[in-house]
Amino acid sequence: MFKVTAIEQAMEAVQDGITVMIGGFLAVGTPEILIDALVAKGVKDLTVIANDTAFPDKGIGKLVADRRLSKVIVSHIGTNPETGRQMNAGALQVDLVPQGTLAERIRAGGAGLGGILTPTGVGTIVAEGKSVINVDGREFLLEKPLRADVALIRAHTADTAGNLLFYRSARNFNPLMAMSANIVIAQAENIVEAGQLDPDQVMTPGILVDWIVQG
């Protein structure tokens, strides 16, 4: 199936009020042109699952600054003072999750698991409202899986069938999120014909990807 499309068509999947996963870390490996398209489209009340909210003028921070989000589930917000300001004003709900736990919850969502067990957060505020399970005398928190309606990810190279290669630090959250959303839209720097990628090098198979946008 040919999956390369115009950004306007791909963005039709993103509507007000849905949950969106966005790849990258501090805007590195983040699909910037897809975020710019969201800002231009004017969608609002989104819940975003991502590693962080980047900076006010970069990556996910642009959605924060433009007040398009009602909730974020992230590992930190320290580089974006606007996120903290909106949180303190009650305009934005912020769920902070330890980074490793966040990655594993996303992986669990993609793998169809009921959650993960982690010792991180036992005995702290992180444990509030969560099930504590004792395994062989050691306590673990049950952290539930995360999934999204749409994932926006960034790849280095895609073929026209949606098979993806990621480059360096973009291999952190992007491949996990491609497994954990109902619709996956990938921004790819390079696009080649189907069959040109070495199958042994493909990191995300095309069956998980709905749309490819050049960028």
N, C-alpha and C. Protein backbone atom coordinates (compact mmCIF):
# COMPACT_ATOMS: atom_id res chain seq x y z
N MET A 1 0.84 -1.20 0.00
CA MET A 1 0.00 0.00 0.00
C MET A 1 0.88 1.25 0.00
N PHE A 2 0.58 2.19 -0.84
CA PHE A 2 1.32 3.45 -0.93
C PHE A 2 0.83 4.39 0.17
N LYS A 3 1.72 4.79 1.07
CA LYS A 3 1.30 5.53 2.26
C LYS A 3 1.80 6.97 2.31
N VAL A 4 2.49 7.41 1.28
CA VAL A 4 2.96 8.79 1.26
C VAL A 4 1.79 9.71 0.90
N THR A 5 1.63 10.77 1.67
CA THR A 5 0.48 11.65 1.44
C THR A 5 0.83 13.09 1.77
N ALA A 6 -0.10 13.97 1.44
CA ALA A 6 0.07 15.39 1.81
C ALA A 6 -0.22 15.55 3.30
N ILE A 7 0.45 16.51 3.91
CA ILE A 7 0.30 16.69 5.35
C ILE A 7 -1.14 17.03 5.73
N GLU A 8 -1.84 17.73 4.87
CA GLU A 8 -3.23 18.11 5.18
C GLU A 8 -4.11 16.87 5.32
N GLN A 9 -3.91 15.89 4.45
CA GLN A 9 -4.70 14.66 4.55
C GLN A 9 -4.35 13.88 5.81
N ALA A 10 -3.07 13.79 6.12
CA ALA A 10 -2.66 13.06 7.32
C ALA A 10 -3.25 13.70 8.58
N MET A 11 -3.30 15.01 8.60
CA MET A 11 -3.77 15.71 9.79
C MET A 11 -5.27 15.59 10.01
N GLU A 12 -6.00 15.04 9.03
CA GLU A 12 -7.44 14.84 9.22
C GLU A 12 -7.71 13.88 10.38
N ALA A 13 -6.74 13.05 10.73
CA ALA A 13 -6.92 12.09 11.82
C ALA A 13 -6.90 12.75 13.19
N VAL A 14 -6.40 13.96 13.27
CA VAL A 14 -6.28 14.65 14.56
C VAL A 14 -7.45 15.61 14.73
N GLN A 15 -8.28 15.30 15.71
CA GLN A 15 -9.46 16.11 15.99
C GLN A 15 -9.45 16.59 17.44
N ASP A 16 -10.27 17.55 17.74
CA ASP A 16 -10.34 18.09 19.10
C ASP A 16 -10.59 16.97 20.12
N GLY A 17 -9.90 17.06 21.24
CA GLY A 17 -10.20 16.20 22.37
C GLY A 17 -9.57 14.82 22.36
N ILE A 18 -8.80 14.47 21.35
CA ILE A 18 -8.23 13.12 21.30
C ILE A 18 -6.90 13.07 22.05
N THR A 19 -6.36 11.86 22.18
CA THR A 19 -5.06 11.64 22.82
C THR A 19 -4.01 11.39 21.73
N VAL A 20 -2.92 12.14 21.81
CA VAL A 20 -1.88 12.07 20.79
C VAL A 20 -0.54 11.77 21.45
N MET A 21 0.17 10.78 20.95
CA MET A 21 1.56 10.55 21.35
C MET A 21 2.47 11.28 20.38
N ILE A 22 3.51 11.89 20.91
CA ILE A 22 4.46 12.62 20.06
C ILE A 22 5.87 12.21 20.46
N GLY A 23 6.64 11.74 19.50
CA GLY A 23 7.97 11.24 19.76
C GLY A 23 9.00 12.34 19.96
N GLY A 24 10.20 11.90 20.38
CA GLY A 24 11.30 12.83 20.55
C GLY A 24 11.63 13.09 22.01
N PHE A 25 12.73 13.81 22.21
CA PHE A 25 13.22 14.13 23.55
C PHE A 25 13.84 15.51 23.48
N LEU A 26 13.23 16.48 24.19
CA LEU A 26 13.66 17.88 24.13
C LEU A 26 13.69 18.39 22.69
N ALA A 27 12.72 17.99 21.94
CA ALA A 27 12.50 18.39 20.54
C ALA A 27 13.45 17.70 19.57
N VAL A 28 14.39 16.90 20.06
CA VAL A 28 15.24 16.12 19.16
C VAL A 28 14.48 14.85 18.78
N GLY A 29 14.34 14.62 17.47
CA GLY A 29 13.57 13.47 17.03
C GLY A 29 12.07 13.70 17.08
N THR A 30 11.67 14.95 17.22
CA THR A 30 10.25 15.31 17.24
C THR A 30 9.80 15.72 15.84
N PRO A 31 8.62 15.32 15.42
CA PRO A 31 8.13 15.67 14.07
C PRO A 31 7.64 17.11 14.01
N GLU A 32 8.55 18.02 13.82
CA GLU A 32 8.24 19.46 13.92
C GLU A 32 7.18 19.91 12.92
N ILE A 33 7.25 19.41 11.68
CA ILE A 33 6.28 19.91 10.69
C ILE A 33 4.87 19.40 11.00
N LEU A 34 4.78 18.24 11.64
CA LEU A 34 3.45 17.75 12.04
C LEU A 34 2.89 18.60 13.18
N ILE A 35 3.76 18.99 14.10
CA ILE A 35 3.31 19.88 15.18
C ILE A 35 2.89 21.24 14.61
N ASP A 36 3.67 21.75 13.69
CA ASP A 36 3.30 23.03 13.07
C ASP A 36 1.94 22.91 12.37
N ALA A 37 1.68 21.75 11.77
CA ALA A 37 0.39 21.55 11.09
C ALA A 37 -0.76 21.51 12.10
N LEU A 38 -0.50 20.94 13.28
CA LEU A 38 -1.54 20.93 14.31
C LEU A 38 -1.86 22.34 14.77
N VAL A 39 -0.82 23.13 14.97
CA VAL A 39 -1.04 24.52 15.38
C VAL A 39 -1.85 25.25 14.32
N ALA A 40 -1.47 25.05 13.05
CA ALA A 40 -2.18 25.73 11.96
C ALA A 40 -3.62 25.25 11.84
N LYS A 41 -3.86 23.97 12.13
CA LYS A 41 -5.22 23.43 12.01
C LYS A 41 -6.14 23.97 13.10
N GLY A 42 -5.56 24.28 14.25
CA GLY A 42 -6.37 24.86 15.32
C GLY A 42 -7.03 23.86 16.23
N VAL A 43 -6.57 22.60 16.23
CA VAL A 43 -7.17 21.62 17.15
C VAL A 43 -6.90 22.03 18.59
N LYS A 44 -7.78 21.59 19.49
CA LYS A 44 -7.66 21.99 20.90
C LYS A 44 -8.09 20.87 21.82
N ASP A 45 -7.85 21.07 23.10
CA ASP A 45 -8.22 20.11 24.14
C ASP A 45 -7.57 18.74 23.93
N LEU A 46 -6.36 18.74 23.43
CA LEU A 46 -5.65 17.48 23.22
C LEU A 46 -5.01 17.00 24.52
N THR A 47 -4.96 15.69 24.69
CA THR A 47 -4.09 15.07 25.69
C THR A 47 -2.86 14.57 24.96
N VAL A 48 -1.69 15.01 25.39
CA VAL A 48 -0.44 14.61 24.73
C VAL A 48 0.38 13.72 25.66
N ILE A 49 0.81 12.61 25.14
CA ILE A 49 1.74 11.71 25.84
C ILE A 49 3.08 11.84 25.14
N ALA A 50 4.09 12.27 25.88
CA ALA A 50 5.41 12.50 25.30
C ALA A 50 6.44 12.46 26.42
N ASN A 51 7.71 12.45 26.04
CA ASN A 51 8.73 12.44 27.08
C ASN A 51 8.76 13.74 27.86
N ASP A 52 8.51 14.89 27.17
CA ASP A 52 8.62 16.19 27.82
C ASP A 52 7.86 17.20 27.00
N THR A 53 7.81 18.43 27.48
CA THR A 53 7.14 19.48 26.71
C THR A 53 8.15 20.43 26.06
N ALA A 54 9.39 19.96 25.91
CA ALA A 54 10.43 20.67 25.15
C ALA A 54 10.60 22.12 25.62
N PHE A 55 10.57 23.05 24.68
CA PHE A 55 10.79 24.47 24.97
C PHE A 55 9.59 25.27 24.43
N PRO A 56 9.37 26.49 24.92
CA PRO A 56 8.19 27.23 24.47
C PRO A 56 8.12 27.42 22.95
N ASP A 57 9.28 27.46 22.28
CA ASP A 57 9.28 27.70 20.84
C ASP A 57 9.75 26.51 20.03
N LYS A 58 9.82 25.34 20.66
CA LYS A 58 10.28 24.14 19.93
C LYS A 58 9.43 22.94 20.31
N GLY A 59 9.25 22.06 19.32
CA GLY A 59 8.58 20.79 19.58
C GLY A 59 7.20 20.96 20.19
N ILE A 60 6.91 20.10 21.15
CA ILE A 60 5.59 20.09 21.79
C ILE A 60 5.32 21.41 22.50
N GLY A 61 6.38 22.12 22.85
CA GLY A 61 6.21 23.40 23.51
C GLY A 61 5.38 24.39 22.71
N LYS A 62 5.40 24.26 21.39
CA LYS A 62 4.60 25.17 20.56
C LYS A 62 3.11 24.92 20.79
N LEU A 63 2.72 23.67 21.02
CA LEU A 63 1.31 23.37 21.31
C LEU A 63 0.93 23.90 22.69
N VAL A 64 1.87 23.80 23.63
CA VAL A 64 1.61 24.33 24.97
C VAL A 64 1.42 25.85 24.90
N ALA A 65 2.36 26.51 24.24
CA ALA A 65 2.32 27.97 24.17
C ALA A 65 1.06 28.47 23.49
N ASP A 66 0.54 27.68 22.53
CA ASP A 66 -0.67 28.08 21.80
C ASP A 66 -1.94 27.58 22.48
N ARG A 67 -1.78 26.99 23.67
CA ARG A 67 -2.92 26.54 24.49
C ARG A 67 -3.80 25.53 23.77
N ARG A 68 -3.17 24.59 23.12
CA ARG A 68 -3.94 23.54 22.42
C ARG A 68 -4.13 22.28 23.26
N LEU A 69 -3.52 22.25 24.43
CA LEU A 69 -3.52 21.03 25.24
C LEU A 69 -4.32 21.24 26.53
N SER A 70 -5.04 20.17 26.94
CA SER A 70 -5.71 20.19 28.23
C SER A 70 -5.00 19.31 29.25
N LYS A 71 -4.16 18.37 28.74
CA LYS A 71 -3.46 17.45 29.66
C LYS A 71 -2.20 16.95 28.97
N VAL A 72 -1.14 16.80 29.75
CA VAL A 72 0.07 16.15 29.24
C VAL A 72 0.48 15.05 30.23
N ILE A 73 0.99 13.96 29.68
CA ILE A 73 1.56 12.87 30.46
C ILE A 73 3.00 12.78 30.03
N VAL A 74 3.93 13.22 30.88
CA VAL A 74 5.32 13.42 30.49
C VAL A 74 6.25 13.09 31.66
N SER A 75 7.56 13.02 31.34
CA SER A 75 8.51 12.72 32.42
C SER A 75 9.08 13.99 33.04
N HIS A 76 9.07 15.10 32.31
CA HIS A 76 9.49 16.36 32.93
C HIS A 76 9.04 17.56 32.11
N ILE A 77 8.96 18.71 32.79
CA ILE A 77 8.51 19.93 32.13
C ILE A 77 9.49 21.08 32.39
N GLY A 78 10.65 20.76 32.95
CA GLY A 78 11.55 21.78 33.47
C GLY A 78 12.12 22.75 32.46
N THR A 79 12.15 22.39 31.19
CA THR A 79 12.71 23.29 30.18
C THR A 79 11.65 24.18 29.54
N ASN A 80 10.42 24.03 29.98
CA ASN A 80 9.35 24.85 29.40
C ASN A 80 8.58 25.56 30.51
N PRO A 81 8.98 26.77 30.86
CA PRO A 81 8.31 27.47 31.96
C PRO A 81 6.83 27.73 31.69
N GLU A 82 6.44 27.79 30.44
CA GLU A 82 5.02 28.02 30.12
C GLU A 82 4.17 26.83 30.58
N THR A 83 4.71 25.62 30.49
CA THR A 83 3.98 24.45 30.99
C THR A 83 3.71 24.60 32.48
N GLY A 84 4.75 24.97 33.23
CA GLY A 84 4.58 25.15 34.67
C GLY A 84 3.61 26.26 35.00
N ARG A 85 3.67 27.33 34.22
CA ARG A 85 2.77 28.45 34.49
C ARG A 85 1.31 28.04 34.29
N GLN A 86 1.03 27.33 33.17
CA GLN A 86 -0.34 26.89 32.91
C GLN A 86 -0.80 25.85 33.94
N MET A 87 0.14 25.00 34.38
CA MET A 87 -0.21 24.01 35.40
C MET A 87 -0.59 24.70 36.71
N ASN A 88 0.19 25.66 37.12
CA ASN A 88 -0.08 26.35 38.38
C ASN A 88 -1.35 27.19 38.31
N ALA A 89 -1.70 27.62 37.10
CA ALA A 89 -2.93 28.40 36.92
C ALA A 89 -4.16 27.52 36.77
N GLY A 90 -3.95 26.20 36.73
CA GLY A 90 -5.09 25.29 36.57
C GLY A 90 -5.58 25.16 35.15
N ALA A 91 -4.81 25.64 34.18
CA ALA A 91 -5.24 25.59 32.78
C ALA A 91 -4.76 24.33 32.08
N LEU A 92 -3.80 23.62 32.67
CA LEU A 92 -3.23 22.44 32.02
C LEU A 92 -2.96 21.39 33.09
N GLN A 93 -3.53 20.18 32.89
CA GLN A 93 -3.25 19.07 33.81
C GLN A 93 -1.93 18.42 33.41
N VAL A 94 -1.06 18.23 34.38
CA VAL A 94 0.24 17.63 34.11
C VAL A 94 0.39 16.37 34.96
N ASP A 95 0.51 15.22 34.30
CA ASP A 95 0.81 13.97 34.99
C ASP A 95 2.28 13.66 34.77
N LEU A 96 3.08 13.72 35.83
CA LEU A 96 4.51 13.44 35.71
C LEU A 96 4.76 11.96 35.99
N VAL A 97 5.50 11.33 35.10
CA VAL A 97 5.80 9.90 35.18
C VAL A 97 7.31 9.73 35.06
N PRO A 98 7.94 8.94 35.93
CA PRO A 98 9.38 8.68 35.74
C PRO A 98 9.67 8.19 34.32
N GLN A 99 10.77 8.66 33.75
CA GLN A 99 11.01 8.44 32.32
C GLN A 99 11.00 6.97 31.92
N GLY A 100 11.69 6.14 32.69
CA GLY A 100 11.71 4.71 32.36
C GLY A 100 10.33 4.08 32.45
N THR A 101 9.58 4.49 33.47
CA THR A 101 8.22 3.98 33.63
C THR A 101 7.35 4.42 32.47
N LEU A 102 7.51 5.68 32.04
CA LEU A 102 6.73 6.18 30.90
C LEU A 102 7.00 5.34 29.65
N ALA A 103 8.26 5.09 29.36
CA ALA A 103 8.61 4.30 28.17
C ALA A 103 8.03 2.90 28.26
N GLU A 104 8.10 2.31 29.44
CA GLU A 104 7.59 0.95 29.60
C GLU A 104 6.06 0.90 29.52
N ARG A 105 5.39 1.94 30.02
CA ARG A 105 3.92 1.96 29.92
C ARG A 105 3.48 2.08 28.46
N ILE A 106 4.23 2.85 27.68
CA ILE A 106 3.91 2.96 26.25
C ILE A 106 4.18 1.62 25.55
N ARG A 107 5.31 1.00 25.91
CA ARG A 107 5.62 -0.32 25.31
C ARG A 107 4.53 -1.33 25.66
N ALA A 108 4.07 -1.29 26.93
CA ALA A 108 3.02 -2.21 27.36
C ALA A 108 1.73 -1.99 26.57
N GLY A 109 1.44 -0.72 26.29
CA GLY A 109 0.25 -0.43 25.49
C GLY A 109 0.34 -1.04 24.10
N GLY A 110 1.50 -0.97 23.51
CA GLY A 110 1.68 -1.53 22.18
C GLY A 110 1.70 -3.04 22.17
N ALA A 111 2.15 -3.63 23.26
CA ALA A 111 2.27 -5.09 23.33
C ALA A 111 0.99 -5.75 23.84
N GLY A 112 0.00 -4.96 24.19
CA GLY A 112 -1.25 -5.53 24.66
C GLY A 112 -1.19 -6.04 26.09
N LEU A 113 -0.26 -5.56 26.87
CA LEU A 113 -0.12 -5.99 28.26
C LEU A 113 -1.05 -5.20 29.17
N GLY A 114 -1.32 -5.78 30.33
CA GLY A 114 -2.20 -5.11 31.29
C GLY A 114 -1.49 -4.10 32.15
N GLY A 115 -0.18 -3.95 31.96
CA GLY A 115 0.61 -3.00 32.73
C GLY A 115 1.99 -3.56 33.01
N ILE A 116 2.75 -2.81 33.79
CA ILE A 116 4.09 -3.27 34.18
C ILE A 116 4.22 -3.18 35.69
N LEU A 117 5.15 -3.93 36.25
CA LEU A 117 5.49 -3.83 37.66
C LEU A 117 6.86 -3.17 37.78
N THR A 118 6.92 -2.11 38.58
CA THR A 118 8.18 -1.39 38.75
C THR A 118 8.38 -1.00 40.22
N PRO A 119 9.61 -1.06 40.71
CA PRO A 119 9.87 -0.60 42.08
C PRO A 119 9.97 0.92 42.16
N THR A 120 10.08 1.59 41.00
CA THR A 120 10.23 3.04 40.99
C THR A 120 8.99 3.72 41.54
N GLY A 121 9.14 4.48 42.59
CA GLY A 121 8.03 5.23 43.16
C GLY A 121 7.41 4.59 44.37
N VAL A 122 7.81 3.36 44.72
CA VAL A 122 7.25 2.71 45.91
C VAL A 122 7.58 3.55 47.14
N GLY A 123 6.56 3.82 47.95
CA GLY A 123 6.76 4.59 49.17
C GLY A 123 6.83 6.09 48.96
N THR A 124 6.54 6.55 47.74
CA THR A 124 6.58 7.99 47.45
C THR A 124 5.22 8.46 46.96
N ILE A 125 5.12 9.74 46.64
CA ILE A 125 3.87 10.30 46.11
C ILE A 125 3.46 9.64 44.80
N VAL A 126 4.44 9.07 44.07
CA VAL A 126 4.14 8.39 42.81
C VAL A 126 3.20 7.21 43.03
N ALA A 127 3.24 6.62 44.22
CA ALA A 127 2.45 5.41 44.50
C ALA A 127 0.99 5.72 44.84
N GLU A 128 0.66 6.98 45.06
CA GLU A 128 -0.69 7.32 45.49
C GLU A 128 -1.74 6.87 44.48
N GLY A 129 -2.72 6.10 44.93
CA GLY A 129 -3.81 5.64 44.09
C GLY A 129 -3.49 4.45 43.22
N LYS A 130 -2.30 3.87 43.39
CA LYS A 130 -1.90 2.73 42.56
C LYS A 130 -1.82 1.45 43.37
N SER A 131 -1.99 0.34 42.70
CA SER A 131 -1.89 -0.96 43.34
C SER A 131 -0.43 -1.29 43.63
N VAL A 132 -0.19 -1.77 44.86
CA VAL A 132 1.15 -2.23 45.24
C VAL A 132 1.11 -3.76 45.31
N ILE A 133 1.99 -4.40 44.56
CA ILE A 133 1.99 -5.86 44.47
C ILE A 133 3.31 -6.40 45.02
N ASN A 134 3.20 -7.38 45.90
CA ASN A 134 4.38 -7.97 46.51
C ASN A 134 4.79 -9.21 45.72
N VAL A 135 6.02 -9.21 45.24
CA VAL A 135 6.56 -10.35 44.50
C VAL A 135 7.80 -10.84 45.24
N ASP A 136 7.71 -12.04 45.80
CA ASP A 136 8.84 -12.64 46.52
C ASP A 136 9.42 -11.69 47.57
N GLY A 137 8.52 -11.01 48.28
CA GLY A 137 8.96 -10.15 49.37
C GLY A 137 9.34 -8.74 48.99
N ARG A 138 9.24 -8.41 47.70
CA ARG A 138 9.58 -7.05 47.24
C ARG A 138 8.34 -6.38 46.67
N GLU A 139 8.15 -5.10 47.02
CA GLU A 139 6.97 -4.38 46.56
C GLU A 139 7.20 -3.68 45.21
N PHE A 140 6.17 -3.77 44.38
CA PHE A 140 6.21 -3.12 43.06
C PHE A 140 4.90 -2.34 42.85
N LEU A 141 4.98 -1.29 42.07
CA LEU A 141 3.78 -0.57 41.66
C LEU A 141 3.28 -1.15 40.34
N LEU A 142 1.95 -1.30 40.25
CA LEU A 142 1.35 -1.66 38.98
C LEU A 142 1.11 -0.38 38.19
N GLU A 143 1.82 -0.21 37.11
CA GLU A 143 1.65 0.96 36.24
C GLU A 143 0.90 0.52 34.98
N LYS A 144 -0.21 1.16 34.71
CA LYS A 144 -1.07 0.73 33.61
C LYS A 144 -0.52 1.17 32.25
N PRO A 145 -0.90 0.44 31.20
CA PRO A 145 -0.39 0.76 29.85
C PRO A 145 -0.96 2.08 29.33
N LEU A 146 -0.24 2.66 28.38
CA LEU A 146 -0.67 3.89 27.73
C LEU A 146 -0.86 3.63 26.23
N ARG A 147 -1.97 4.11 25.71
CA ARG A 147 -2.22 4.08 24.27
C ARG A 147 -2.78 5.44 23.84
N ALA A 148 -2.78 5.68 22.53
CA ALA A 148 -3.26 6.96 22.01
C ALA A 148 -4.13 6.74 20.78
N ASP A 149 -4.92 7.75 20.47
CA ASP A 149 -5.69 7.71 19.22
C ASP A 149 -4.76 7.86 18.02
N VAL A 150 -3.80 8.76 18.15
CA VAL A 150 -2.88 9.06 17.03
C VAL A 150 -1.47 9.19 17.59
N ALA A 151 -0.49 8.67 16.86
CA ALA A 151 0.92 8.91 17.19
C ALA A 151 1.56 9.71 16.06
N LEU A 152 2.29 10.74 16.46
CA LEU A 152 3.06 11.55 15.50
C LEU A 152 4.53 11.26 15.77
N ILE A 153 5.21 10.66 14.80
CA ILE A 153 6.58 10.24 15.03
C ILE A 153 7.48 10.76 13.91
N ARG A 154 8.79 10.67 14.17
CA ARG A 154 9.75 11.16 13.18
C ARG A 154 10.76 10.07 12.86
N ALA A 155 10.90 9.78 11.58
CA ALA A 155 11.85 8.78 11.12
C ALA A 155 12.91 9.43 10.25
N HIS A 156 14.04 8.77 10.14
CA HIS A 156 15.08 9.26 9.23
C HIS A 156 14.75 8.88 7.79
N THR A 157 14.35 7.62 7.59
CA THR A 157 14.03 7.14 6.24
C THR A 157 12.78 6.28 6.30
N ALA A 158 11.92 6.46 5.32
CA ALA A 158 10.74 5.61 5.16
C ALA A 158 10.69 5.12 3.74
N ASP A 159 10.11 3.94 3.54
CA ASP A 159 9.78 3.59 2.16
C ASP A 159 8.30 3.85 1.94
N THR A 160 7.88 3.75 0.71
CA THR A 160 6.50 4.15 0.39
C THR A 160 5.45 3.22 1.00
N ALA A 161 5.88 2.06 1.53
CA ALA A 161 4.96 1.15 2.20
C ALA A 161 4.90 1.40 3.71
N GLY A 162 5.69 2.38 4.19
CA GLY A 162 5.62 2.75 5.60
C GLY A 162 6.66 2.13 6.50
N ASN A 163 7.57 1.32 5.95
CA ASN A 163 8.66 0.78 6.77
C ASN A 163 9.61 1.91 7.15
N LEU A 164 10.06 1.91 8.42
CA LEU A 164 10.79 3.07 8.95
C LEU A 164 12.17 2.70 9.50
N LEU A 165 13.10 3.64 9.32
CA LEU A 165 14.40 3.62 9.98
C LEU A 165 14.52 4.88 10.82
N PHE A 166 15.03 4.73 12.04
CA PHE A 166 15.26 5.88 12.91
C PHE A 166 16.76 6.09 13.08
N TYR A 167 17.14 7.30 13.40
CA TYR A 167 18.55 7.67 13.45
C TYR A 167 18.91 8.18 14.83
N ARG A 168 19.92 7.57 15.42
CA ARG A 168 20.47 7.98 16.71
C ARG A 168 19.38 8.18 17.77
N SER A 169 19.33 9.38 18.41
CA SER A 169 18.45 9.56 19.56
C SER A 169 16.97 9.48 19.19
N ALA A 170 16.62 9.58 17.92
CA ALA A 170 15.22 9.44 17.52
C ALA A 170 14.71 8.02 17.73
N ARG A 171 15.61 7.11 18.08
CA ARG A 171 15.19 5.73 18.33
C ARG A 171 14.65 5.55 19.75
N ASN A 172 14.52 6.64 20.53
CA ASN A 172 14.05 6.46 21.90
C ASN A 172 12.53 6.19 21.94
N PHE A 173 11.72 7.21 21.82
CA PHE A 173 10.28 7.02 21.98
C PHE A 173 9.55 6.75 20.67
N ASN A 174 10.12 7.16 19.55
CA ASN A 174 9.38 7.03 18.29
C ASN A 174 8.96 5.59 17.96
N PRO A 175 9.87 4.60 18.02
CA PRO A 175 9.44 3.22 17.69
C PRO A 175 8.39 2.68 18.66
N LEU A 176 8.51 3.03 19.96
CA LEU A 176 7.52 2.57 20.93
C LEU A 176 6.15 3.13 20.62
N MET A 177 6.09 4.41 20.29
CA MET A 177 4.80 5.06 20.04
C MET A 177 4.15 4.54 18.76
N ALA A 178 4.97 4.10 17.81
CA ALA A 178 4.40 3.55 16.58
C ALA A 178 3.60 2.28 16.85
N MET A 179 3.88 1.63 17.98
CA MET A 179 3.17 0.41 18.34
C MET A 179 1.92 0.67 19.17
N SER A 180 1.77 1.89 19.67
CA SER A 180 0.81 2.12 20.75
C SER A 180 -0.30 3.10 20.39
N ALA A 181 -0.55 3.29 19.13
CA ALA A 181 -1.61 4.22 18.72
C ALA A 181 -2.47 3.59 17.62
N ASN A 182 -3.71 4.04 17.56
CA ASN A 182 -4.62 3.51 16.55
C ASN A 182 -4.24 3.97 15.15
N ILE A 183 -3.75 5.20 15.04
CA ILE A 183 -3.31 5.75 13.76
C ILE A 183 -1.90 6.31 13.93
N VAL A 184 -1.00 5.97 13.03
CA VAL A 184 0.39 6.41 13.13
C VAL A 184 0.74 7.24 11.90
N ILE A 185 1.19 8.46 12.17
CA ILE A 185 1.62 9.37 11.10
C ILE A 185 3.11 9.64 11.30
N ALA A 186 3.91 9.36 10.29
CA ALA A 186 5.35 9.52 10.40
C ALA A 186 5.84 10.62 9.47
N GLN A 187 6.64 11.52 10.03
CA GLN A 187 7.39 12.49 9.23
C GLN A 187 8.73 11.86 8.93
N ALA A 188 9.09 11.77 7.66
CA ALA A 188 10.34 11.12 7.27
C ALA A 188 11.19 12.08 6.45
N GLU A 189 12.45 12.15 6.84
CA GLU A 189 13.38 13.03 6.12
C GLU A 189 13.64 12.53 4.70
N ASN A 190 13.75 11.23 4.57
CA ASN A 190 14.00 10.61 3.26
C ASN A 190 12.92 9.58 2.98
N ILE A 191 12.46 9.52 1.74
CA ILE A 191 11.47 8.53 1.33
C ILE A 191 12.00 7.80 0.10
N VAL A 192 12.01 6.47 0.19
CA VAL A 192 12.48 5.64 -0.92
C VAL A 192 11.36 4.71 -1.36
N GLU A 193 11.55 4.08 -2.50
CA GLU A 193 10.53 3.16 -3.00
C GLU A 193 10.49 1.90 -2.14
N ALA A 194 9.29 1.30 -2.05
CA ALA A 194 9.15 0.04 -1.34
C ALA A 194 10.09 -1.00 -1.94
N GLY A 195 10.77 -1.73 -1.06
CA GLY A 195 11.72 -2.75 -1.51
C GLY A 195 13.16 -2.30 -1.48
N GLN A 196 13.38 -1.00 -1.31
CA GLN A 196 14.76 -0.50 -1.30
C GLN A 196 15.43 -0.60 0.06
N LEU A 197 14.64 -0.73 1.14
CA LEU A 197 15.24 -0.87 2.46
C LEU A 197 15.59 -2.33 2.72
N ASP A 198 16.74 -2.53 3.36
CA ASP A 198 17.12 -3.88 3.79
C ASP A 198 16.15 -4.32 4.88
N PRO A 199 15.41 -5.40 4.70
CA PRO A 199 14.44 -5.82 5.73
C PRO A 199 15.07 -6.02 7.10
N ASP A 200 16.34 -6.41 7.13
CA ASP A 200 17.00 -6.60 8.42
C ASP A 200 17.24 -5.28 9.15
N GLN A 201 17.17 -4.16 8.43
CA GLN A 201 17.43 -2.86 9.04
C GLN A 201 16.15 -2.13 9.45
N VAL A 202 14.99 -2.62 9.01
CA VAL A 202 13.73 -1.94 9.32
C VAL A 202 13.46 -2.02 10.82
N MET A 203 13.17 -0.86 11.43
CA MET A 203 12.95 -0.79 12.88
C MET A 203 11.46 -0.75 13.23
N THR A 204 10.66 -0.16 12.37
CA THR A 204 9.21 -0.19 12.54
C THR A 204 8.60 -0.69 11.23
N PRO A 205 7.87 -1.80 11.27
CA PRO A 205 7.29 -2.33 10.02
C PRO A 205 6.14 -1.48 9.52
N GLY A 206 5.98 -1.47 8.23
CA GLY A 206 4.96 -0.64 7.60
C GLY A 206 3.55 -0.95 8.02
N ILE A 207 3.29 -2.15 8.51
CA ILE A 207 1.93 -2.50 8.91
C ILE A 207 1.44 -1.63 10.07
N LEU A 208 2.38 -1.02 10.81
CA LEU A 208 2.01 -0.17 11.94
C LEU A 208 1.79 1.28 11.53
N VAL A 209 2.15 1.64 10.32
CA VAL A 209 2.17 3.05 9.90
C VAL A 209 1.05 3.31 8.89
N ASP A 210 0.31 4.39 9.14
CA ASP A 210 -0.82 4.71 8.26
C ASP A 210 -0.45 5.72 7.19
N TRP A 211 0.34 6.76 7.58
CA TRP A 211 0.66 7.82 6.64
C TRP A 211 2.13 8.21 6.77
N ILE A 212 2.73 8.56 5.64
CA ILE A 212 4.09 9.10 5.60
C ILE A 212 4.03 10.50 5.00
N VAL A 213 4.68 11.43 5.69
CA VAL A 213 4.76 12.81 5.21
C VAL A 213 6.23 13.18 5.06
N GLN A 214 6.58 13.76 3.96
CA GLN A 214 7.97 14.18 3.73
C GLN A 214 8.32 15.38 4.61
N GLY A 215 9.48 15.29 5.27
CA GLY A 215 9.86 16.46 6.04
C GLY A 215 11.09 16.24 6.89
